[in-house]
Amino acid sequence: MIHRVYIDTSVIGGCIDNEFKEWSGKLFNEFRNGRKVAVISDITLDELDLAPGKVQKILKQIPEKFLEIVESNQDTEQLARYYIVSGAITEKFYLDGLHIAIATCYNVNVLASWNFRHIVNLDKIRKYNSVNLEQGYNILEIRSPRDIVKFEENEIQ
C-alpha cells in the first residue's frame, strides 16, 4: 500500500532550508520514486503563489501520478471552524486548521509539516483529533517529515 501524505507549504519550503532540507528532501525522494503519494490542497497552491520561485519549482519535481491535488470545501471549512470553537487553534491561524481539516476529510495516511507551533504539536494534535472524533472523522496522524521518513527506514531494516 502506498501512503498518501498531505504536505503543507513548510515541507516544500523545507527543501531549501538548511535546518529541514535533509528530511524534506528524503520525503520528496519518496514521492519522486513512487514510494508515497504527495497530497496537496488548493490552499497549499495559493500559499505557494506567494513563495519565491525556487520554492514553487520544487513541487514540479513530483511526477503527476504521485501527486494528488484536493480542494477545500464546505465540510473542510466547517471542520476548521470546529477546531477554533474547541480552542485547538485561534482564528488568526485558521489556515493551519484548514490544512488539518482537509487532510482529515480526505482521509490521508499522515499530514507532514514543519510547523511545530500550530500543527506538529502534541497538545494541539490531541485537540484536533478530539474534534475529529466528535464530528465523526478518523484520527489524523500528524508528524514531521523526519518522523515519517525515519519510521519507514526502520521498518525496512
Protein backbone atom coordinates (compact mmCIF):
# COMPACT_ATOMS: atom_id res chain seq x y z
CA MET A 1 0.00 0.00 0.00
CA ILE A 2 1.35 3.42 -0.94
CA HIS A 3 0.79 6.01 1.77
CA ARG A 4 -0.86 9.31 0.92
CA VAL A 5 0.99 12.12 2.72
CA TYR A 6 -0.58 15.57 2.94
CA ILE A 7 2.21 18.14 2.83
CA ASP A 8 1.84 21.77 3.76
CA THR A 9 3.93 24.62 2.43
CA SER A 10 6.53 24.30 5.19
CA VAL A 11 7.56 20.86 3.88
CA ILE A 12 8.02 22.19 0.36
CA GLY A 13 9.98 25.22 1.55
CA GLY A 14 11.93 22.89 3.83
CA CYS A 15 13.68 21.51 0.75
CA ILE A 16 15.77 24.69 0.58
CA ASP A 17 16.02 25.48 4.31
CA ASN A 18 19.30 24.40 5.92
CA GLU A 19 17.55 23.12 9.04
CA PHE A 20 14.95 20.99 7.22
CA LYS A 21 16.31 20.19 3.75
CA GLU A 22 17.71 16.76 4.60
CA TRP A 23 14.36 15.35 5.72
CA SER A 24 12.14 17.28 3.32
CA GLY A 25 14.47 16.12 0.56
CA LYS A 26 14.22 12.48 1.65
CA LEU A 27 10.42 12.73 1.70
CA PHE A 28 10.41 14.28 -1.76
CA ASN A 29 12.65 11.44 -2.97
CA GLU A 30 9.98 9.02 -1.80
CA PHE A 31 7.37 10.98 -3.77
CA ARG A 32 9.55 11.06 -6.90
CA ASN A 33 10.22 7.32 -6.62
CA GLY A 34 6.56 6.47 -6.10
CA ARG A 35 7.00 5.10 -2.57
CA LYS A 36 4.46 7.66 -1.34
CA VAL A 37 1.87 9.95 -2.91
CA ALA A 38 2.06 13.66 -2.09
CA VAL A 39 -1.33 15.20 -1.36
CA ILE A 40 -1.61 18.97 -1.56
CA SER A 41 -4.58 21.29 -1.44
CA ASP A 42 -5.72 24.38 -3.22
CA ILE A 43 -4.73 26.21 -0.01
CA THR A 44 -1.15 24.96 -0.39
CA LEU A 45 -1.11 26.06 -4.02
CA ASP A 46 -2.38 29.53 -3.01
CA GLU A 47 0.37 29.80 -0.38
CA LEU A 48 2.97 28.68 -2.94
CA ASP A 49 1.92 31.53 -5.23
CA LEU A 50 3.40 33.86 -2.60
CA ALA A 51 6.64 31.87 -2.22
CA PRO A 52 9.94 32.51 -4.04
CA GLY A 53 10.26 30.96 -7.50
CA LYS A 54 12.74 28.30 -6.38
CA VAL A 55 10.22 27.05 -3.80
CA GLN A 56 7.45 26.96 -6.41
CA LYS A 57 9.61 24.79 -8.69
CA ILE A 58 10.12 22.09 -6.03
CA LEU A 59 6.60 20.74 -6.39
CA LYS A 60 7.17 20.23 -10.11
CA GLN A 61 9.76 17.54 -9.26
CA ILE A 62 6.98 15.13 -8.28
CA PRO A 63 5.59 13.09 -11.20
CA GLU A 64 1.88 13.78 -11.72
CA LYS A 65 0.94 10.16 -10.95
CA PHE A 66 2.41 10.58 -7.44
CA LEU A 67 0.78 13.97 -6.76
CA GLU A 68 -2.85 14.37 -5.72
CA ILE A 69 -4.47 17.80 -5.54
CA VAL A 70 -7.54 18.16 -3.32
CA GLU A 71 -9.77 21.15 -2.68
CA SER A 72 -11.17 22.77 0.40
CA ASN A 73 -14.93 22.71 0.56
CA GLN A 74 -17.81 23.35 2.92
CA ASP A 75 -17.00 20.26 5.02
CA THR A 76 -13.32 21.13 5.45
CA GLU A 77 -14.11 24.75 6.27
CA GLN A 78 -16.71 23.69 8.83
CA LEU A 79 -14.28 21.27 10.47
CA ALA A 80 -11.63 24.01 10.65
CA ARG A 81 -14.22 26.22 12.40
CA TYR A 82 -14.85 23.45 14.93
CA TYR A 83 -11.12 23.48 15.70
CA ILE A 84 -11.43 27.18 16.52
CA VAL A 85 -14.56 26.74 18.64
CA SER A 86 -12.87 23.92 20.59
CA GLY A 87 -9.82 26.07 21.30
CA ALA A 88 -7.43 23.88 19.33
CA ILE A 89 -6.43 26.89 17.25
CA THR A 90 -7.30 30.58 17.07
CA GLU A 91 -8.98 32.44 14.25
CA LYS A 92 -5.63 34.04 13.38
CA PHE A 93 -4.29 30.61 12.37
CA TYR A 94 -7.41 29.42 10.58
CA LEU A 95 -5.41 28.32 7.52
CA ASP A 96 -3.32 25.96 9.64
CA GLY A 97 -6.56 24.43 10.90
CA LEU A 98 -7.85 24.25 7.35
CA HIS A 99 -4.80 22.20 6.30
CA ILE A 100 -5.58 19.76 9.10
CA ALA A 101 -9.27 19.66 8.22
CA ILE A 102 -8.52 18.99 4.54
CA ALA A 103 -6.12 16.16 5.41
CA THR A 104 -8.75 14.73 7.78
CA CYS A 105 -11.66 14.96 5.35
CA TYR A 106 -9.65 13.44 2.50
CA ASN A 107 -8.52 10.56 4.73
CA VAL A 108 -4.79 10.84 4.12
CA ASN A 109 -2.48 8.47 5.99
CA VAL A 110 -0.46 11.26 7.59
CA LEU A 111 -0.04 15.03 7.47
CA ALA A 112 3.56 16.25 7.25
CA SER A 113 4.59 19.70 8.46
CA TRP A 114 7.47 21.61 9.99
CA ASN A 115 5.01 23.90 11.82
CA PHE A 116 5.69 22.84 15.41
CA ARG A 117 3.70 25.67 16.93
CA HIS A 118 0.25 25.08 15.44
CA ILE A 119 0.34 21.71 13.69
CA VAL A 120 3.02 19.21 14.83
CA ASN A 121 2.33 19.85 18.50
CA LEU A 122 1.18 17.04 20.79
CA ASP A 123 -1.35 19.10 22.75
CA LYS A 124 -2.86 20.51 19.58
CA ILE A 125 -2.87 17.13 17.81
CA ARG A 126 -4.91 15.72 20.70
CA LYS A 127 -7.37 18.61 20.43
CA TYR A 128 -7.68 18.27 16.64
CA ASN A 129 -8.28 14.55 16.93
CA SER A 130 -10.80 15.02 19.73
CA VAL A 131 -12.79 17.30 17.41
CA ASN A 132 -12.31 14.85 14.53
CA LEU A 133 -13.81 12.02 16.58
CA GLU A 134 -16.67 14.21 17.86
CA GLN A 135 -17.51 15.13 14.27
CA GLY A 136 -17.37 11.54 13.01
CA TYR A 137 -13.95 11.63 11.34
CA ASN A 138 -10.95 9.38 11.83
CA ILE A 139 -7.92 10.29 13.89
CA LEU A 140 -5.26 12.04 11.79
CA GLU A 141 -1.58 11.18 12.14
CA ILE A 142 0.45 14.41 12.19
CA ARG A 143 4.24 14.20 12.02
CA SER A 144 7.34 15.99 10.78
CA PRO A 145 8.93 14.67 7.57
CA ARG A 146 11.79 13.35 9.69
CA ASP A 147 9.39 11.17 11.67
CA ILE A 148 7.73 9.83 8.54
CA VAL A 149 10.92 9.00 6.64
CA LYS A 150 12.81 7.66 9.66
CA PHE A 151 9.91 5.45 10.67
CA GLU A 152 9.73 3.97 7.18
CA GLU A 153 13.51 3.35 7.05
CA ASN A 154 13.38 1.50 10.39
CA GLU A 155 10.54 -0.71 9.15
CA ILE A 156 12.55 -1.76 6.10
CA GLN A 157 15.70 -2.76 8.02
